[in-house]
PDB file of N, CA and C in Angstrom:
ATOM      1  N   MET A   1       0.665  39.742  83.276  1.00  0.00           N
ATOM      2  CA  MET A   1       0.643  38.794  84.214  1.00  0.00           C
ATOM      3  C   MET A   1       1.235  38.668  85.098  1.00  0.00           C
ATOM      4  N   LYS A   2       0.156  38.141  86.146  1.00  0.00           N
ATOM      5  CA  LYS A   2       0.737  38.293  87.440  1.00  0.00           C
ATOM      6  C   LYS A   2       1.309  37.167  88.341  1.00  0.00           C
ATOM      7  N   ILE A   3       2.124  37.398  88.907  1.00  0.00           N
ATOM      8  CA  ILE A   3       3.303  36.123  89.328  1.00  0.00           C
ATOM      9  C   ILE A   3       3.672  36.772  91.429  1.00  0.00           C
ATOM     10  N   TYR A   4       3.724  35.566  92.099  1.00  0.00           N
ATOM     11  CA  TYR A   4       4.018  35.754  93.242  1.00  0.00           C
ATOM     12  C   TYR A   4       5.384  35.534  93.375  1.00  0.00           C
ATOM     13  N   ASP A   5       5.739  36.497  94.308  1.00  0.00           N
ATOM     14  CA  ASP A   5       7.110  36.983  94.993  1.00  0.00           C
ATOM     15  C   ASP A   5       7.274  36.219  96.054  1.00  0.00           C
ATOM     16  N   THR A   6       7.967  35.200  96.353  1.00  0.00           N
ATOM     17  CA  THR A   6       7.624  34.476  97.929  1.00  0.00           C
ATOM     18  C   THR A   6       9.057  35.153  98.889  1.00  0.00           C
ATOM     19  N   VAL A   7       9.640  35.878  98.179  1.00  0.00           N
ATOM     20  CA  VAL A   7      10.998  36.242  99.427  1.00  0.00           C
ATOM     21  C   VAL A   7      10.127  37.613  99.960  1.00  0.00           C
ATOM     22  N   LYS A   8       9.337  38.317  98.886  1.00  0.00           N
ATOM     23  CA  LYS A   8       8.426  39.745  99.261  1.00  0.00           C
ATOM     24  C   LYS A   8       7.380  39.827  99.831  1.00  0.00           C
ATOM     25  N   LYS A   9       6.659  38.366  99.737  1.00  0.00           N
ATOM     26  CA  LYS A   9       5.683  38.090  99.955  1.00  0.00           C
ATOM     27  C   LYS A   9       4.312  39.178  99.308  1.00  0.00           C
ATOM     28  N   GLU A  10       4.604  39.327  97.887  1.00  0.00           N
ATOM     29  CA  GLU A  10       3.826  40.208  97.172  1.00  0.00           C
ATOM     30  C   GLU A  10       3.761  39.782  96.111  1.00  0.00           C
ATOM     31  N   ASP A  11       2.490  39.927  95.287  1.00  0.00           N
ATOM     32  CA  ASP A  11       2.240  40.073  93.932  1.00  0.00           C
ATOM     33  C   ASP A  11       3.095  40.848  92.895  1.00  0.00           C
ATOM     34  N   VAL A  12       3.598  40.497  91.776  1.00  0.00           N
ATOM     35  CA  VAL A  12       4.160  41.509  90.965  1.00  0.00           C
ATOM     36  C   VAL A  12       3.322  41.202  89.789  1.00  0.00           C
ATOM     37  N   GLU A  13       3.264  42.282  89.107  1.00  0.00           N
ATOM     38  CA  GLU A  13       2.890  42.736  87.569  1.00  0.00           C
ATOM     39  C   GLU A  13       3.790  42.418  86.391  1.00  0.00           C
ATOM     40  N   ILE A  14       3.629  41.177  85.564  1.00  0.00           N
ATOM     41  CA  ILE A  14       4.788  41.605  84.578  1.00  0.00           C
ATOM     42  C   ILE A  14       4.114  41.965  83.238  1.00  0.00           C
ATOM     43  N   SER A  15       4.799  41.922  82.218  1.00  0.00           N
ATOM     44  CA  SER A  15       4.030  42.285  80.686  1.00  0.00           C
ATOM     45  C   SER A  15       4.293  41.162  79.972  1.00  0.00           C
ATOM     46  N   ASP A  16       5.274  39.815  79.717  1.00  0.00           N
ATOM     47  CA  ASP A  16       5.485  39.046  79.625  1.00  0.00           C
ATOM     48  C   ASP A  16       6.543  38.510  79.683  1.00  0.00           C
ATOM     49  N   TYR A  17       7.047  36.668  78.964  1.00  0.00           N
ATOM     50  CA  TYR A  17       8.056  35.992  79.523  1.00  0.00           C
ATOM     51  C   TYR A  17       9.354  36.774  79.630  1.00  0.00           C
ATOM     52  N   ARG A  18       9.399  37.572  78.754  1.00  0.00           N
ATOM     53  CA  ARG A  18      10.632  38.359  78.771  1.00  0.00           C
ATOM     54  C   ARG A  18      11.044  38.966  79.929  1.00  0.00           C
ATOM     55  N   ASP A  19      10.051  39.763  80.542  1.00  0.00           N
ATOM     56  CA  ASP A  19      10.281  40.135  82.035  1.00  0.00           C
ATOM     57  C   ASP A  19      10.881  39.131  83.008  1.00  0.00           C
ATOM     58  N   LEU A  20      10.223  37.690  83.061  1.00  0.00           N
ATOM     59  CA  LEU A  20      10.706  36.857  83.682  1.00  0.00           C
ATOM     60  C   LEU A  20      12.263  36.537  83.437  1.00  0.00           C
ATOM     61  N   ILE A  21      12.280  36.338  82.034  1.00  0.00           N
ATOM     62  CA  ILE A  21      13.987  36.249  81.475  1.00  0.00           C
ATOM     63  C   ILE A  21      14.915  37.315  82.437  1.00  0.00           C
ATOM     64  N   LYS A  22      14.358  38.406  82.043  1.00  0.00           N
ATOM     65  CA  LYS A  22      15.168  39.698  83.103  1.00  0.00           C
ATOM     66  C   LYS A  22      15.376  39.557  84.250  1.00  0.00           C
ATOM     67  N   ILE A  23      14.272  38.573  85.374  1.00  0.00           N
ATOM     68  CA  ILE A  23      14.175  38.454  86.398  1.00  0.00           C
ATOM     69  C   ILE A  23      15.020  37.430  86.938  1.00  0.00           C
ATOM     70  N   MET A  24      15.255  36.359  85.894  1.00  0.00           N
ATOM     71  CA  MET A  24      16.190  35.163  86.395  1.00  0.00           C
ATOM     72  C   MET A  24      17.480  35.903  85.957  1.00  0.00           C
ATOM     73  N   GLN A  25      18.037  36.957  84.946  1.00  0.00           N
ATOM     74  CA  GLN A  25      19.361  37.132  84.827  1.00  0.00           C
ATOM     75  C   GLN A  25      19.810  38.193  86.058  1.00  0.00           C
ATOM     76  N   ASP A  26      18.977  38.570  86.518  1.00  0.00           N
ATOM     77  CA  ASP A  26      19.127  39.373  87.565  1.00  0.00           C
ATOM     78  C   ASP A  26      19.164  38.572  89.059  1.00  0.00           C
ATOM     79  N   GLY A  27      19.201  37.387  88.971  1.00  0.00           N
ATOM     80  CA  GLY A  27      19.504  36.006  90.093  1.00  0.00           C
ATOM     81  C   GLY A  27      18.403  35.692  90.871  1.00  0.00           C
ATOM     82  N   ARG A  28      17.176  35.749  90.128  1.00  0.00           N
ATOM     83  CA  ARG A  28      16.021  34.883  91.288  1.00  0.00           C
ATOM     84  C   ARG A  28      15.809  33.619  90.502  1.00  0.00           C
ATOM     85  N   GLN A  29      15.050  33.007  91.029  1.00  0.00           N
ATOM     86  CA  GLN A  29      14.585  31.777  90.191  1.00  0.00           C
ATOM     87  C   GLN A  29      12.915  31.673  89.866  1.00  0.00           C
ATOM     88  N   VAL A  30      12.652  31.251  88.931  1.00  0.00           N
ATOM     89  CA  VAL A  30      11.371  31.680  88.448  1.00  0.00           C
ATOM     90  C   VAL A  30      10.637  29.890  88.796  1.00  0.00           C
ATOM     91  N   ASP A  31       9.558  29.853  89.569  1.00  0.00           N
ATOM     92  CA  ASP A  31       9.002  28.354  89.710  1.00  0.00           C
ATOM     93  C   ASP A  31       7.637  28.401  88.681  1.00  0.00           C
ATOM     94  N   LEU A  32       7.547  27.388  87.728  1.00  0.00           N
ATOM     95  CA  LEU A  32       6.452  27.147  86.918  1.00  0.00           C
ATOM     96  C   LEU A  32       5.648  26.067  87.559  1.00  0.00           C
ATOM     97  N   TYR A  33       4.505  26.207  88.141  1.00  0.00           N
ATOM     98  CA  TYR A  33       3.894  25.107  88.844  1.00  0.00           C
ATOM     99  C   TYR A  33       2.754  24.883  87.236  1.00  0.00           C
ATOM    100  N   LEU A  34       2.934  23.706  86.904  1.00  0.00           N
ATOM    101  CA  LEU A  34       2.529  23.484  85.690  1.00  0.00           C
ATOM    102  C   LEU A  34       0.738  22.989  85.764  1.00  0.00           C
ATOM    103  N   LYS A  35      -0.106  22.949  84.918  1.00  0.00           N
ATOM    104  CA  LYS A  35      -1.543  23.039  84.998  1.00  0.00           C
ATOM    105  C   LYS A  35      -1.423  21.347  84.997  1.00  0.00           C
ATOM    106  N   GLU A  36      -0.572  20.481  84.870  1.00  0.00           N
ATOM    107  CA  GLU A  36      -0.675  19.025  84.100  1.00  0.00           C
ATOM    108  C   GLU A  36       0.616  18.236  84.435  1.00  0.00           C
ATOM    109  N   LYS A  37       0.746  17.332  84.974  1.00  0.00           N
ATOM    110  CA  LYS A  37       2.109  16.642  84.880  1.00  0.00           C
ATOM    111  C   LYS A  37       2.594  16.351  83.530  1.00  0.00           C
ATOM    112  N   LYS A  38       4.228  16.383  83.631  1.00  0.00           N
ATOM    113  CA  LYS A  38       4.549  16.988  82.030  1.00  0.00           C
ATOM    114  C   LYS A  38       5.597  15.355  82.156  1.00  0.00           C
ATOM    115  N   SER A  39       5.854  14.742  80.990  1.00  0.00           N
ATOM    116  CA  SER A  39       6.915  13.525  81.055  1.00  0.00           C
ATOM    117  C   SER A  39       7.512  13.965  79.348  1.00  0.00           C
ATOM    118  N   ASP A  40       9.153  13.355  79.597  1.00  0.00           N
ATOM    119  CA  ASP A  40       9.803  13.710  78.108  1.00  0.00           C
ATOM    120  C   ASP A  40       9.292  12.576  77.259  1.00  0.00           C
ATOM    121  N   GLU A  41       9.687  12.459  76.549  1.00  0.00           N
ATOM    122  CA  GLU A  41       9.630  11.864  75.120  1.00  0.00           C
ATOM    123  C   GLU A  41       9.681  10.218  75.219  1.00  0.00           C
ATOM    124  N   ASP A  42      10.817  10.255  76.243  1.00  0.00           N
ATOM    125  CA  ASP A  42      11.232   8.485  76.382  1.00  0.00           C
ATOM    126  C   ASP A  42      10.527   7.674  77.779  1.00  0.00           C
ATOM    127  N   GLY A  43       9.646   8.636  78.196  1.00  0.00           N
ATOM    128  CA  GLY A  43       8.908   8.386  79.283  1.00  0.00           C
ATOM    129  C   GLY A  43      10.087   7.833  80.453  1.00  0.00           C
ATOM    130  N   TYR A  44      11.061   8.573  80.832  1.00  0.00           N
ATOM    131  CA  TYR A  44      11.872   8.457  81.800  1.00  0.00           C
ATOM    132  C   TYR A  44      11.949   9.106  82.851  1.00  0.00           C
ATOM    133  N   MET A  45      11.052  10.617  82.837  1.00  0.00           N
ATOM    134  CA  MET A  45      10.932  11.310  83.626  1.00  0.00           C
ATOM    135  C   MET A  45       9.420  11.782  83.762  1.00  0.00           C
ATOM    136  N   SER A  46       8.914  12.434  84.644  1.00  0.00           N
ATOM    137  CA  SER A  46       7.579  13.020  85.076  1.00  0.00           C
ATOM    138  C   SER A  46       7.821  13.939  86.293  1.00  0.00           C
ATOM    139  N   TRP A  47       7.019  15.487  85.633  1.00  0.00           N
ATOM    140  CA  TRP A  47       7.393  16.657  86.516  1.00  0.00           C
ATOM    141  C   TRP A  47       6.051  17.230  86.611  1.00  0.00           C
ATOM    142  N   ASP A  48       5.798  18.066  87.664  1.00  0.00           N
ATOM    143  CA  ASP A  48       5.191  18.765  87.617  1.00  0.00           C
ATOM    144  C   ASP A  48       5.272  20.529  88.142  1.00  0.00           C
ATOM    145  N   VAL A  49       6.293  20.534  88.188  1.00  0.00           N
ATOM    146  CA  VAL A  49       7.471  21.588  88.423  1.00  0.00           C
ATOM    147  C   VAL A  49       8.524  21.955  87.981  1.00  0.00           C
ATOM    148  N   GLU A  50       8.501  23.468  87.287  1.00  0.00           N
ATOM    149  CA  GLU A  50      10.081  23.712  86.498  1.00  0.00           C
ATOM    150  C   GLU A  50      10.569  24.438  87.262  1.00  0.00           C
ATOM    151  N   HIS A  51      12.011  24.768  87.720  1.00  0.00           N
ATOM    152  CA  HIS A  51      12.670  25.851  88.509  1.00  0.00           C
ATOM    153  C   HIS A  51      13.459  26.115  87.571  1.00  0.00           C
ATOM    154  N   TRP A  52      13.510  27.505  87.181  1.00  0.00           N
ATOM    155  CA  TRP A  52      14.149  28.091  85.955  1.00  0.00           C
ATOM    156  C   TRP A  52      15.064  29.139  87.134  1.00  0.00           C
ATOM    157  N   SER A  53      16.505  29.448  86.652  1.00  0.00           N
ATOM    158  CA  SER A  53      17.429  30.462  86.828  1.00  0.00           C
ATOM    159  C   SER A  53      18.580  30.499  86.115  1.00  0.00           C
ATOM    160  N   SER A  54      19.198  31.410  86.218  1.00  0.00           N
ATOM    161  CA  SER A  54      20.393  32.037  84.864  1.00  0.00           C
ATOM    162  C   SER A  54      21.478  31.400  85.809  1.00  0.00           C
ATOM    163  N   VAL A  55      22.343  31.078  84.939  1.00  0.00           N
ATOM    164  CA  VAL A  55      23.879  30.713  85.559  1.00  0.00           C
ATOM    165  C   VAL A  55      25.192  31.567  84.657  1.00  0.00           C
ATOM    166  N   ALA A  56      24.756  32.642  83.882  1.00  0.00           N
ATOM    167  CA  ALA A  56      25.401  33.556  83.290  1.00  0.00           C
ATOM    168  C   ALA A  56      24.120  34.339  82.653  1.00  0.00           C
ATOM    169  N   PRO A  57      24.483  35.442  82.092  1.00  0.00           N
ATOM    170  CA  PRO A  57      23.686  36.036  81.459  1.00  0.00           C
ATOM    171  C   PRO A  57      22.926  35.664  80.198  1.00  0.00           C
ATOM    172  N   LYS A  58      23.625  34.786  79.608  1.00  0.00           N
ATOM    173  CA  LYS A  58      22.845  34.140  78.105  1.00  0.00           C
ATOM    174  C   LYS A  58      22.626  32.393  78.461  1.00  0.00           C
ATOM    175  N   ARG A  59      22.986  32.090  79.662  1.00  0.00           N
ATOM    176  CA  ARG A  59      22.651  30.298  80.155  1.00  0.00           C
ATOM    177  C   ARG A  59      21.623  30.182  81.546  1.00  0.00           C
ATOM    178  N   PHE A  60      21.045  29.673  80.905  1.00  0.00           N
ATOM    179  CA  PHE A  60      20.129  29.180  82.029  1.00  0.00           C
ATOM    180  C   PHE A  60      19.762  27.537  82.312  1.00  0.00           C
ATOM    181  N   ILE A  61      19.414  27.211  83.849  1.00  0.00           N
ATOM    182  CA  ILE A  61      19.400  25.774  83.898  1.00  0.00           C
ATOM    183  C   ILE A  61      17.752  25.549  84.469  1.00  0.00           C
ATOM    184  N   ARG A  62      17.235  24.610  84.157  1.00  0.00           N
ATOM    185  CA  ARG A  62      15.809  24.151  84.563  1.00  0.00           C
ATOM    186  C   ARG A  62      15.932  22.766  85.679  1.00  0.00           C
ATOM    187  N   CYS A  63      15.430  23.233  86.693  1.00  0.00           N
ATOM    188  CA  CYS A  63      15.554  21.922  87.272  1.00  0.00           C
ATOM    189  C   CYS A  63      13.955  21.297  87.511  1.00  0.00           C
ATOM    190  N   TYR A  64      13.806  20.017  87.926  1.00  0.00           N
ATOM    191  CA  TYR A  64      12.261  19.952  87.817  1.00  0.00           C
ATOM    192  C   TYR A  64      11.900  19.098  89.527  1.00  0.00           C
ATOM    193  N   SER A  65      10.696  19.140  89.772  1.00  0.00           N
ATOM    194  CA  SER A  65      10.010  18.589  91.122  1.00  0.00           C
ATOM    195  C   SER A  65       9.137  17.812  90.561  1.00  0.00           C
ATOM    196  N   LEU A  66       8.506  17.033  91.252  1.00  0.00           N
ATOM    197  CA  LEU A  66       7.378  15.993  90.812  1.00  0.00           C
ATOM    198  C   LEU A  66       6.949  16.018  92.562  1.00  0.00           C
ATOM    199  N   GLU A  67       5.382  16.405  92.574  1.00  0.00           N
ATOM    200  CA  GLU A  67       4.435  16.106  93.816  1.00  0.00           C
ATOM    201  C   GLU A  67       5.526  16.566  95.211  1.00  0.00           C
ATOM    202  N   GLY A  68       5.987  17.633  94.998  1.00  0.00           N
ATOM    203  CA  GLY A  68       6.771  18.571  96.184  1.00  0.00           C
ATOM    204  C   GLY A  68       8.242  17.678  96.223  1.00  0.00           C
ATOM    205  N   ARG A  69       9.026  16.838  95.442  1.00  0.00           N
ATOM    206  CA  ARG A  69      10.099  16.442  95.861  1.00  0.00           C
ATOM    207  C   ARG A  69      11.358  16.706  94.495  1.00  0.00           C
ATOM    208  N   VAL A  70      12.083  17.666  94.791  1.00  0.00           N
ATOM    209  CA  VAL A  70      13.162  17.861  94.013  1.00  0.00           C
ATOM    210  C   VAL A  70      13.458  16.554  92.999  1.00  0.00           C
ATOM    211  N   LEU A  71      13.587  16.763  91.905  1.00  0.00           N
ATOM    212  CA  LEU A  71      14.124  15.650  91.289  1.00  0.00           C
ATOM    213  C   LEU A  71      15.551  15.800  90.961  1.00  0.00           C
ATOM    214  N   GLY A  72      16.814  14.969  90.219  1.00  0.00           N
ATOM    215  CA  GLY A  72      18.234  14.861  90.510  1.00  0.00           C
ATOM    216  C   GLY A  72      18.356  15.189  89.144  1.00  0.00           C
ATOM    217  N   GLU A  73      17.500  15.269  87.978  1.00  0.00           N
ATOM    218  CA  GLU A  73      17.838  15.606  86.665  1.00  0.00           C
ATOM    219  C   GLU A  73      17.815  17.216  86.649  1.00  0.00           C
ATOM    220  N   SER A  74      18.462  17.957  85.851  1.00  0.00           N
ATOM    221  CA  SER A  74      18.093  19.479  85.402  1.00  0.00           C
ATOM    222  C   SER A  74      18.832  19.521  83.798  1.00  0.00           C
ATOM    223  N   THR A  75      18.298  20.481  83.134  1.00  0.00           N
ATOM    224  CA  THR A  75      18.922  20.841  81.874  1.00  0.00           C
ATOM    225  C   THR A  75      19.342  21.894  81.373  1.00  0.00           C
ATOM    226  N   GLY A  76      20.270  22.275  80.725  1.00  0.00           N
ATOM    227  CA  GLY A  76      21.162  23.384  80.677  1.00  0.00           C
ATOM    228  C   GLY A  76      20.237  23.869  79.032  1.00  0.00           C
ATOM    229  N   HIS A  77      20.253  25.529  79.031  1.00  0.00           N
ATOM    230  CA  HIS A  77      19.696  26.124  77.952  1.00  0.00           C
ATOM    231  C   HIS A  77      20.448  27.498  77.794  1.00  0.00           C
ATOM    232  N   ASN A  78      20.314  27.429  76.448  1.00  0.00           N
ATOM    233  CA  ASN A  78      21.246  28.993  76.164  1.00  0.00           C
ATOM    234  C   ASN A  78      19.607  30.016  75.956  1.00  0.00           C
ATOM    235  N   ILE A  79      20.267  31.130  75.548  1.00  0.00           N
ATOM    236  CA  ILE A  79      19.006  32.335  75.873  1.00  0.00           C
ATOM    237  C   ILE A  79      18.153  31.860  74.550  1.00  0.00           C
ATOM    238  N   TYR A  80      18.697  31.679  73.285  1.00  0.00           N
ATOM    239  CA  TYR A  80      17.913  31.221  72.297  1.00  0.00           C
ATOM    240  C   TYR A  80      16.909  29.910  72.453  1.00  0.00           C
ATOM    241  N   ASP A  81      17.362  28.777  73.384  1.00  0.00           N
ATOM    242  CA  ASP A  81      16.216  27.781  73.818  1.00  0.00           C
ATOM    243  C   ASP A  81      15.162  28.365  74.504  1.00  0.00           C
ATOM    244  N   LEU A  82      15.106  29.211  75.140  1.00  0.00           N
ATOM    245  CA  LEU A  82      14.323  29.530  75.797  1.00  0.00           C
ATOM    246  C   LEU A  82      12.897  29.979  74.724  1.00  0.00           C
ATOM    247  N   GLU A  83      13.191  30.500  73.945  1.00  0.00           N
ATOM    248  CA  GLU A  83      12.008  30.686  73.001  1.00  0.00           C
ATOM    249  C   GLU A  83      11.126  29.383  72.502  1.00  0.00           C
ATOM    250  N   ASN A  84      11.430  28.059  72.605  1.00  0.00           N
ATOM    251  CA  ASN A  84      10.955  26.938  72.587  1.00  0.00           C
ATOM    252  C   ASN A  84      10.928  26.095  74.022  1.00  0.00           C
ATOM    253  N   GLU A  85      11.653  26.195  74.773  1.00  0.00           N
ATOM    254  CA  GLU A  85      11.455  25.480  76.514  1.00  0.00           C
ATOM    255  C   GLU A  85      10.836  25.942  77.410  1.00  0.00           C
ATOM    256  N   PHE A  86      10.740  27.317  77.363  1.00  0.00           N
ATOM    257  CA  PHE A  86      10.534  28.331  78.641  1.00  0.00           C
ATOM    258  C   PHE A  86       9.219  28.765  78.574  1.00  0.00           C
ATOM    259  N   LYS A  87       7.833  28.366  79.123  1.00  0.00           N
ATOM    260  CA  LYS A  87       6.365  28.283  78.579  1.00  0.00           C
ATOM    261  C   LYS A  87       5.827  28.927  79.997  1.00  0.00           C
ATOM    262  N   PRO A  88       5.816  29.842  80.343  1.00  0.00           N
ATOM    263  CA  PRO A  88       4.997  30.219  81.387  1.00  0.00           C
ATOM    264  C   PRO A  88       3.610  30.356  81.102  1.00  0.00           C
ATOM    265  N   ALA A  89       3.201  30.195  79.587  1.00  0.00           N
ATOM    266  CA  ALA A  89       1.768  30.473  79.605  1.00  0.00           C
ATOM    267  C   ALA A  89       1.464  29.116  79.856  1.00  0.00           C
ATOM    268  N   GLU A  90       2.161  28.052  79.894  1.00  0.00           N
ATOM    269  CA  GLU A  90       1.739  26.908  80.498  1.00  0.00           C
ATOM    270  C   GLU A  90       1.279  26.394  81.886  1.00  0.00           C
ATOM    271  N   ALA A  91       1.787  27.380  82.763  1.00  0.00           N
ATOM    272  CA  ALA A  91       1.756  27.471  84.213  1.00  0.00           C
ATOM    273  C   ALA A  91       0.218  28.093  84.630  1.00  0.00           C
ATOM    274  N   ALA A  92      -0.199  26.843  85.546  1.00  0.00           N
ATOM    275  CA  ALA A  92      -1.062  27.220  86.673  1.00  0.00           C
ATOM    276  C   ALA A  92      -0.628  28.497  87.627  1.00  0.00           C
ATOM    277  N   LYS A  93       0.535  28.541  87.898  1.00  0.00           N
ATOM    278  CA  LYS A  93       1.046  29.454  89.049  1.00  0.00           C
ATOM    279  C   LYS A  93       2.609  29.603  88.577  1.00  0.00           C
ATOM    280  N   ILE A  94       2.711  30.714  88.988  1.00  0.00           N
ATOM    281  CA  ILE A  94       4.276  31.243  88.514  1.00  0.00           C
ATOM    282  C   ILE A  94       4.482  32.108  89.962  1.00  0.00           C
ATOM    283  N   GLU A  95       5.941  31.781  90.419  1.00  0.00           N
ATOM    284  CA  GLU A  95       6.120  32.095  91.591  1.00  0.00           C
ATOM    285  C   GLU A  95       7.990  32.649  91.400  1.00  0.00           C
ATOM    286  N   LEU A  96       8.353  33.553  92.280  1.00  0.00           N
ATOM    287  CA  LEU A  96      10.036  33.810  92.436  1.00  0.00           C
ATOM    288  C   LEU A  96      10.423  33.552  93.662  1.00  0.00           C
ATOM    289  N   SER A  97      11.552  32.757  93.715  1.00  0.00           N
ATOM    290  CA  SER A  97      12.004  32.417  94.727  1.00  0.00           C
ATOM    291  C   SER A  97      13.438  32.926  95.011  1.00  0.00           C
TER     292      SER A  97
END
């Protein structure tokens, strides 16, 4: 899987999503630019970019953007939640910040 590092301005090759988790644990943010807009089950919020980062080795936070604007909502996740919630395969583009 090829991702773009916006800090180093280069493409980075990774093998799977576990590499992205390790990158987050090392202090980087992973931005997933989704193929299509998503909404929560209540229709309260829609987003097209997910910004993932680690706040502790086994704790992660996801912030959201819609059409270039960062939204005020965020969700917290543990390392086990990532199996169901962190889906880089659904992204059209992945960047490291």
